[in-house]
Each structure stands twice: as C-alpha cells, then as structure tokens.
Amino acid sequence: MTPATDHRKYIARETAIGAAINGLLSEGAFWSASTYVAGPNTSAATGVMNTGGNAAGFLAPVVGLMVDHLGWLATLASGSVFAVIGAALWLLIRIRRPVACQ
C-alpha cells in the first residue's frame, strides 16, 4: 500500500463507525414512534419491524455480488439511496388521533 492511499483505510473505518453510531442513535426514535402509532397493536407492529429488518439479512449474498460486479462505491451508494427513501417514507406517516399529555 502506498503512503498516499494508506490513510483511506482510516477514513473508511471512521466513516463506518460514524454510520453505526448514527444508526444506533436513531433506533429509539423509530421504535417509540412505531409503538405510538400502532397503539394497541404494538406487538404486531414490532413484529413486522423485526421481520422486515431481519429479512434484509437474506440479501447479504446480493451485496457480495454487487461488490464483485459494480464495486464498493456503487454498492454503498445504493444503500444510501435506500436510506434516503426510508427517511422520506417517514414523512408520509399521519396520526389521526390527538396527542394527549400524560
């Protein structure tokens, strides 16, 4: 590895750590939001969220194929696109009942 590219592995590591931290920091928000929106159907809503999150693990071989055929940049960019789509979908959530202070 040349000295000019040696620093890239540290940038990649720090970026991955930052992404993991940001993902974990937002976890409480989407769990509490789904609990609030689901109301009495909280157990079903959390089951759907767990199933959807774990089902994505079946796509792990696809990620490997994408890296082999498209490279890391396109693979990571596609993950970013899906993250932005997911964030935009949160804007479509509408709660019909008023929020009561407890």
N, C-alpha and C. Protein backbone atom coordinates (compact mmCIF):
# COMPACT_ATOMS: atom_id res chain seq x y z
N MET A 1 0.85 -1.17 0.00
CA MET A 1 0.00 0.00 0.00
C MET A 1 0.90 1.24 0.00
N THR A 2 0.59 2.16 -0.84
CA THR A 2 1.39 3.37 -0.93
C THR A 2 1.00 4.33 0.19
N PRO A 3 1.92 5.19 0.59
CA PRO A 3 1.60 6.14 1.65
C PRO A 3 0.45 7.08 1.30
N ALA A 4 0.24 7.33 0.01
CA ALA A 4 -0.83 8.24 -0.38
C ALA A 4 -2.22 7.63 -0.16
N THR A 5 -2.33 6.31 -0.26
CA THR A 5 -3.63 5.66 -0.08
C THR A 5 -3.78 5.00 1.29
N ASP A 6 -2.74 5.02 2.09
CA ASP A 6 -2.78 4.36 3.39
C ASP A 6 -3.81 4.99 4.33
N HIS A 7 -4.02 6.29 4.21
CA HIS A 7 -4.96 6.98 5.10
C HIS A 7 -6.41 6.64 4.79
N ARG A 8 -6.68 6.08 3.63
CA ARG A 8 -8.05 5.78 3.24
C ARG A 8 -8.70 4.72 4.12
N LYS A 9 -7.91 3.77 4.59
CA LYS A 9 -8.48 2.75 5.46
C LYS A 9 -8.94 3.35 6.78
N TYR A 10 -8.25 4.37 7.25
CA TYR A 10 -8.68 5.04 8.49
C TYR A 10 -9.94 5.87 8.26
N ILE A 11 -10.01 6.52 7.11
CA ILE A 11 -11.22 7.29 6.78
C ILE A 11 -12.41 6.34 6.64
N ALA A 12 -12.20 5.20 6.00
CA ALA A 12 -13.28 4.21 5.85
C ALA A 12 -13.73 3.69 7.21
N ARG A 13 -12.78 3.42 8.08
CA ARG A 13 -13.12 2.93 9.42
C ARG A 13 -13.92 3.96 10.20
N GLU A 14 -13.47 5.20 10.19
CA GLU A 14 -14.16 6.25 10.94
C GLU A 14 -15.54 6.53 10.36
N THR A 15 -15.67 6.45 9.05
CA THR A 15 -16.98 6.64 8.42
C THR A 15 -17.94 5.53 8.81
N ALA A 16 -17.45 4.28 8.82
CA ALA A 16 -18.29 3.15 9.22
C ALA A 16 -18.70 3.27 10.68
N ILE A 17 -17.80 3.70 11.53
CA ILE A 17 -18.12 3.89 12.95
C ILE A 17 -19.17 4.98 13.10
N GLY A 18 -19.01 6.08 12.37
CA GLY A 18 -19.99 7.17 12.44
C GLY A 18 -21.36 6.73 11.96
N ALA A 19 -21.40 5.92 10.90
CA ALA A 19 -22.68 5.42 10.40
C ALA A 19 -23.35 4.51 11.42
N ALA A 20 -22.56 3.66 12.06
CA ALA A 20 -23.13 2.76 13.08
C ALA A 20 -23.66 3.56 14.27
N ILE A 21 -22.93 4.55 14.69
CA ILE A 21 -23.38 5.37 15.82
C ILE A 21 -24.67 6.10 15.47
N ASN A 22 -24.73 6.69 14.28
CA ASN A 22 -25.95 7.39 13.87
C ASN A 22 -27.13 6.45 13.75
N GLY A 23 -26.90 5.27 13.24
CA GLY A 23 -27.98 4.29 13.14
C GLY A 23 -28.49 3.86 14.51
N LEU A 24 -27.57 3.63 15.43
CA LEU A 24 -27.98 3.21 16.77
C LEU A 24 -28.64 4.35 17.55
N LEU A 25 -28.22 5.57 17.31
CA LEU A 25 -28.85 6.70 18.00
C LEU A 25 -30.29 6.93 17.53
N SER A 26 -30.59 6.57 16.30
CA SER A 26 -31.95 6.77 15.79
C SER A 26 -32.87 5.60 16.11
N GLU A 27 -32.32 4.53 16.62
CA GLU A 27 -33.12 3.33 16.87
C GLU A 27 -34.26 3.58 17.86
N GLY A 28 -33.99 4.28 18.92
CA GLY A 28 -35.03 4.56 19.91
C GLY A 28 -36.18 5.36 19.33
N ALA A 29 -35.87 6.28 18.43
CA ALA A 29 -36.90 7.12 17.84
C ALA A 29 -37.87 6.30 16.99
N PHE A 30 -37.37 5.41 16.15
CA PHE A 30 -38.33 4.69 15.31
C PHE A 30 -39.07 3.60 16.07
N TRP A 31 -38.46 3.04 17.13
CA TRP A 31 -39.21 2.07 17.95
C TRP A 31 -40.31 2.77 18.73
N SER A 32 -40.00 3.91 19.31
CA SER A 32 -41.04 4.61 20.07
C SER A 32 -42.12 5.17 19.14
N ALA A 33 -41.74 5.63 17.96
CA ALA A 33 -42.74 6.13 17.00
C ALA A 33 -43.66 5.01 16.55
N SER A 34 -43.12 3.85 16.27
CA SER A 34 -43.98 2.74 15.84
C SER A 34 -44.88 2.28 16.98
N THR A 35 -44.39 2.32 18.21
CA THR A 35 -45.21 1.96 19.35
C THR A 35 -46.35 2.94 19.52
N TYR A 36 -46.06 4.21 19.35
CA TYR A 36 -47.10 5.23 19.50
C TYR A 36 -48.13 5.12 18.38
N VAL A 37 -47.68 4.97 17.16
CA VAL A 37 -48.59 4.92 16.02
C VAL A 37 -49.44 3.65 16.07
N ALA A 38 -48.87 2.53 16.47
CA ALA A 38 -49.61 1.26 16.49
C ALA A 38 -50.62 1.19 17.62
N GLY A 39 -50.37 1.92 18.69
CA GLY A 39 -51.31 1.90 19.82
C GLY A 39 -51.50 0.50 20.38
N PRO A 40 -52.74 -0.01 20.40
CA PRO A 40 -52.98 -1.34 20.96
C PRO A 40 -52.41 -2.48 20.11
N ASN A 41 -51.98 -2.19 18.92
CA ASN A 41 -51.39 -3.20 18.04
C ASN A 41 -49.87 -3.14 18.02
N THR A 42 -49.30 -2.70 19.14
CA THR A 42 -47.84 -2.52 19.22
C THR A 42 -47.09 -3.82 18.96
N SER A 43 -47.58 -4.92 19.52
CA SER A 43 -46.85 -6.18 19.34
C SER A 43 -46.81 -6.59 17.86
N ALA A 44 -47.90 -6.38 17.15
CA ALA A 44 -47.91 -6.70 15.72
C ALA A 44 -46.97 -5.78 14.95
N ALA A 45 -46.98 -4.50 15.30
CA ALA A 45 -46.11 -3.54 14.60
C ALA A 45 -44.64 -3.86 14.83
N THR A 46 -44.27 -4.18 16.06
CA THR A 46 -42.86 -4.50 16.33
C THR A 46 -42.48 -5.83 15.67
N GLY A 47 -43.44 -6.74 15.56
CA GLY A 47 -43.16 -7.99 14.85
C GLY A 47 -42.88 -7.76 13.38
N VAL A 48 -43.66 -6.87 12.78
CA VAL A 48 -43.44 -6.53 11.37
C VAL A 48 -42.08 -5.85 11.20
N MET A 49 -41.75 -4.95 12.13
CA MET A 49 -40.45 -4.26 12.02
C MET A 49 -39.29 -5.25 12.17
N ASN A 50 -39.39 -6.17 13.12
CA ASN A 50 -38.33 -7.17 13.29
C ASN A 50 -38.21 -8.08 12.08
N THR A 51 -39.36 -8.50 11.54
CA THR A 51 -39.34 -9.36 10.37
C THR A 51 -38.71 -8.65 9.18
N GLY A 52 -39.12 -7.40 8.96
CA GLY A 52 -38.54 -6.64 7.85
C GLY A 52 -37.05 -6.41 8.02
N GLY A 53 -36.64 -6.11 9.24
CA GLY A 53 -35.21 -5.87 9.48
C GLY A 53 -34.38 -7.13 9.32
N ASN A 54 -34.89 -8.25 9.80
CA ASN A 54 -34.14 -9.50 9.69
C ASN A 54 -34.22 -10.11 8.30
N ALA A 55 -35.31 -9.85 7.59
CA ALA A 55 -35.44 -10.38 6.23
C ALA A 55 -34.38 -9.80 5.31
N ALA A 56 -33.94 -8.59 5.62
CA ALA A 56 -32.90 -7.97 4.80
C ALA A 56 -31.60 -8.76 4.86
N GLY A 57 -31.41 -9.54 5.90
CA GLY A 57 -30.21 -10.37 6.01
C GLY A 57 -30.12 -11.41 4.91
N PHE A 58 -31.26 -11.78 4.34
CA PHE A 58 -31.25 -12.73 3.22
C PHE A 58 -30.64 -12.11 1.97
N LEU A 59 -30.55 -10.78 1.95
CA LEU A 59 -29.98 -10.11 0.78
C LEU A 59 -28.46 -9.97 0.86
N ALA A 60 -27.86 -10.49 1.91
CA ALA A 60 -26.40 -10.38 2.06
C ALA A 60 -25.64 -10.94 0.86
N PRO A 61 -26.03 -12.08 0.29
CA PRO A 61 -25.32 -12.55 -0.90
C PRO A 61 -25.41 -11.58 -2.08
N VAL A 62 -26.53 -10.85 -2.16
CA VAL A 62 -26.69 -9.88 -3.24
C VAL A 62 -25.67 -8.76 -3.09
N VAL A 63 -25.40 -8.38 -1.84
CA VAL A 63 -24.40 -7.33 -1.61
C VAL A 63 -23.03 -7.79 -2.10
N GLY A 64 -22.70 -9.03 -1.82
CA GLY A 64 -21.42 -9.56 -2.32
C GLY A 64 -21.34 -9.55 -3.83
N LEU A 65 -22.44 -9.92 -4.47
CA LEU A 65 -22.47 -9.90 -5.94
C LEU A 65 -22.36 -8.47 -6.47
N MET A 66 -23.01 -7.54 -5.78
CA MET A 66 -22.92 -6.13 -6.21
C MET A 66 -21.49 -5.62 -6.11
N VAL A 67 -20.83 -5.97 -5.01
CA VAL A 67 -19.44 -5.52 -4.84
C VAL A 67 -18.57 -6.10 -5.96
N ASP A 68 -18.78 -7.38 -6.28
CA ASP A 68 -17.98 -8.02 -7.33
C ASP A 68 -18.23 -7.41 -8.70
N HIS A 69 -19.48 -7.07 -9.00
CA HIS A 69 -19.82 -6.60 -10.34
C HIS A 69 -19.81 -5.07 -10.49
N LEU A 70 -20.17 -4.37 -9.42
CA LEU A 70 -20.29 -2.90 -9.52
C LEU A 70 -19.24 -2.14 -8.74
N GLY A 71 -18.62 -2.79 -7.77
CA GLY A 71 -17.63 -2.12 -6.93
C GLY A 71 -18.25 -1.59 -5.64
N TRP A 72 -17.39 -1.20 -4.73
CA TRP A 72 -17.84 -0.73 -3.41
C TRP A 72 -18.61 0.57 -3.48
N LEU A 73 -18.18 1.48 -4.31
CA LEU A 73 -18.84 2.79 -4.36
C LEU A 73 -20.30 2.67 -4.76
N ALA A 74 -20.59 1.93 -5.81
CA ALA A 74 -21.98 1.77 -6.25
C ALA A 74 -22.80 1.00 -5.22
N THR A 75 -22.19 0.02 -4.58
CA THR A 75 -22.90 -0.76 -3.56
C THR A 75 -23.27 0.11 -2.37
N LEU A 76 -22.32 0.87 -1.87
CA LEU A 76 -22.60 1.75 -0.73
C LEU A 76 -23.55 2.87 -1.12
N ALA A 77 -23.44 3.36 -2.34
CA ALA A 77 -24.36 4.40 -2.80
C ALA A 77 -25.79 3.87 -2.87
N SER A 78 -25.96 2.63 -3.28
CA SER A 78 -27.31 2.07 -3.33
C SER A 78 -27.89 1.95 -1.93
N GLY A 79 -27.07 1.62 -0.95
CA GLY A 79 -27.53 1.60 0.44
C GLY A 79 -27.96 2.98 0.90
N SER A 80 -27.22 3.99 0.49
CA SER A 80 -27.58 5.37 0.84
C SER A 80 -28.89 5.78 0.20
N VAL A 81 -29.10 5.35 -1.03
CA VAL A 81 -30.37 5.68 -1.72
C VAL A 81 -31.54 5.06 -0.97
N PHE A 82 -31.41 3.81 -0.55
CA PHE A 82 -32.49 3.17 0.20
C PHE A 82 -32.71 3.84 1.55
N ALA A 83 -31.65 4.31 2.18
CA ALA A 83 -31.79 5.02 3.45
C ALA A 83 -32.57 6.33 3.27
N VAL A 84 -32.27 7.04 2.19
CA VAL A 84 -33.00 8.30 1.90
C VAL A 84 -34.46 8.00 1.58
N ILE A 85 -34.73 6.93 0.85
CA ILE A 85 -36.11 6.55 0.56
C ILE A 85 -36.85 6.21 1.86
N GLY A 86 -36.20 5.48 2.74
CA GLY A 86 -36.81 5.15 4.03
C GLY A 86 -37.10 6.38 4.85
N ALA A 87 -36.17 7.34 4.86
CA ALA A 87 -36.39 8.58 5.59
C ALA A 87 -37.55 9.37 4.99
N ALA A 88 -37.66 9.36 3.67
CA ALA A 88 -38.76 10.08 3.02
C ALA A 88 -40.10 9.42 3.32
N LEU A 89 -40.12 8.11 3.45
CA LEU A 89 -41.37 7.41 3.76
C LEU A 89 -41.89 7.77 5.15
N TRP A 90 -40.99 8.12 6.06
CA TRP A 90 -41.43 8.57 7.39
C TRP A 90 -42.27 9.83 7.29
N LEU A 91 -42.03 10.63 6.28
CA LEU A 91 -42.80 11.87 6.12
C LEU A 91 -44.25 11.60 5.73
N LEU A 92 -44.54 10.39 5.27
CA LEU A 92 -45.90 10.04 4.86
C LEU A 92 -46.76 9.53 6.02
N ILE A 93 -46.15 9.32 7.18
CA ILE A 93 -46.91 8.81 8.32
C ILE A 93 -47.78 9.92 8.88
N ARG A 94 -49.07 9.62 9.01
CA ARG A 94 -50.03 10.57 9.57
C ARG A 94 -50.76 9.90 10.72
N ILE A 95 -50.83 10.58 11.85
CA ILE A 95 -51.54 10.08 13.01
C ILE A 95 -52.87 10.81 13.10
N ARG A 96 -53.95 10.05 13.13
CA ARG A 96 -55.29 10.65 13.12
C ARG A 96 -55.78 11.06 14.51
N ARG A 97 -55.20 10.52 15.56
CA ARG A 97 -55.69 10.86 16.91
C ARG A 97 -54.82 11.96 17.53
N PRO A 98 -55.41 12.77 18.39
CA PRO A 98 -54.62 13.84 19.01
C PRO A 98 -53.64 13.29 20.05
N VAL A 99 -52.56 14.02 20.23
CA VAL A 99 -51.56 13.63 21.22
C VAL A 99 -52.02 14.15 22.57
N ALA A 100 -52.17 13.26 23.53
CA ALA A 100 -52.60 13.66 24.87
C ALA A 100 -51.40 13.76 25.79
N CYS A 101 -51.35 14.79 26.60
CA CYS A 101 -50.29 14.95 27.59
C CYS A 101 -50.55 14.02 28.76
N GLN A 102 -49.50 13.39 29.23
CA GLN A 102 -49.67 12.46 30.35
C GLN A 102 -48.94 12.97 31.56
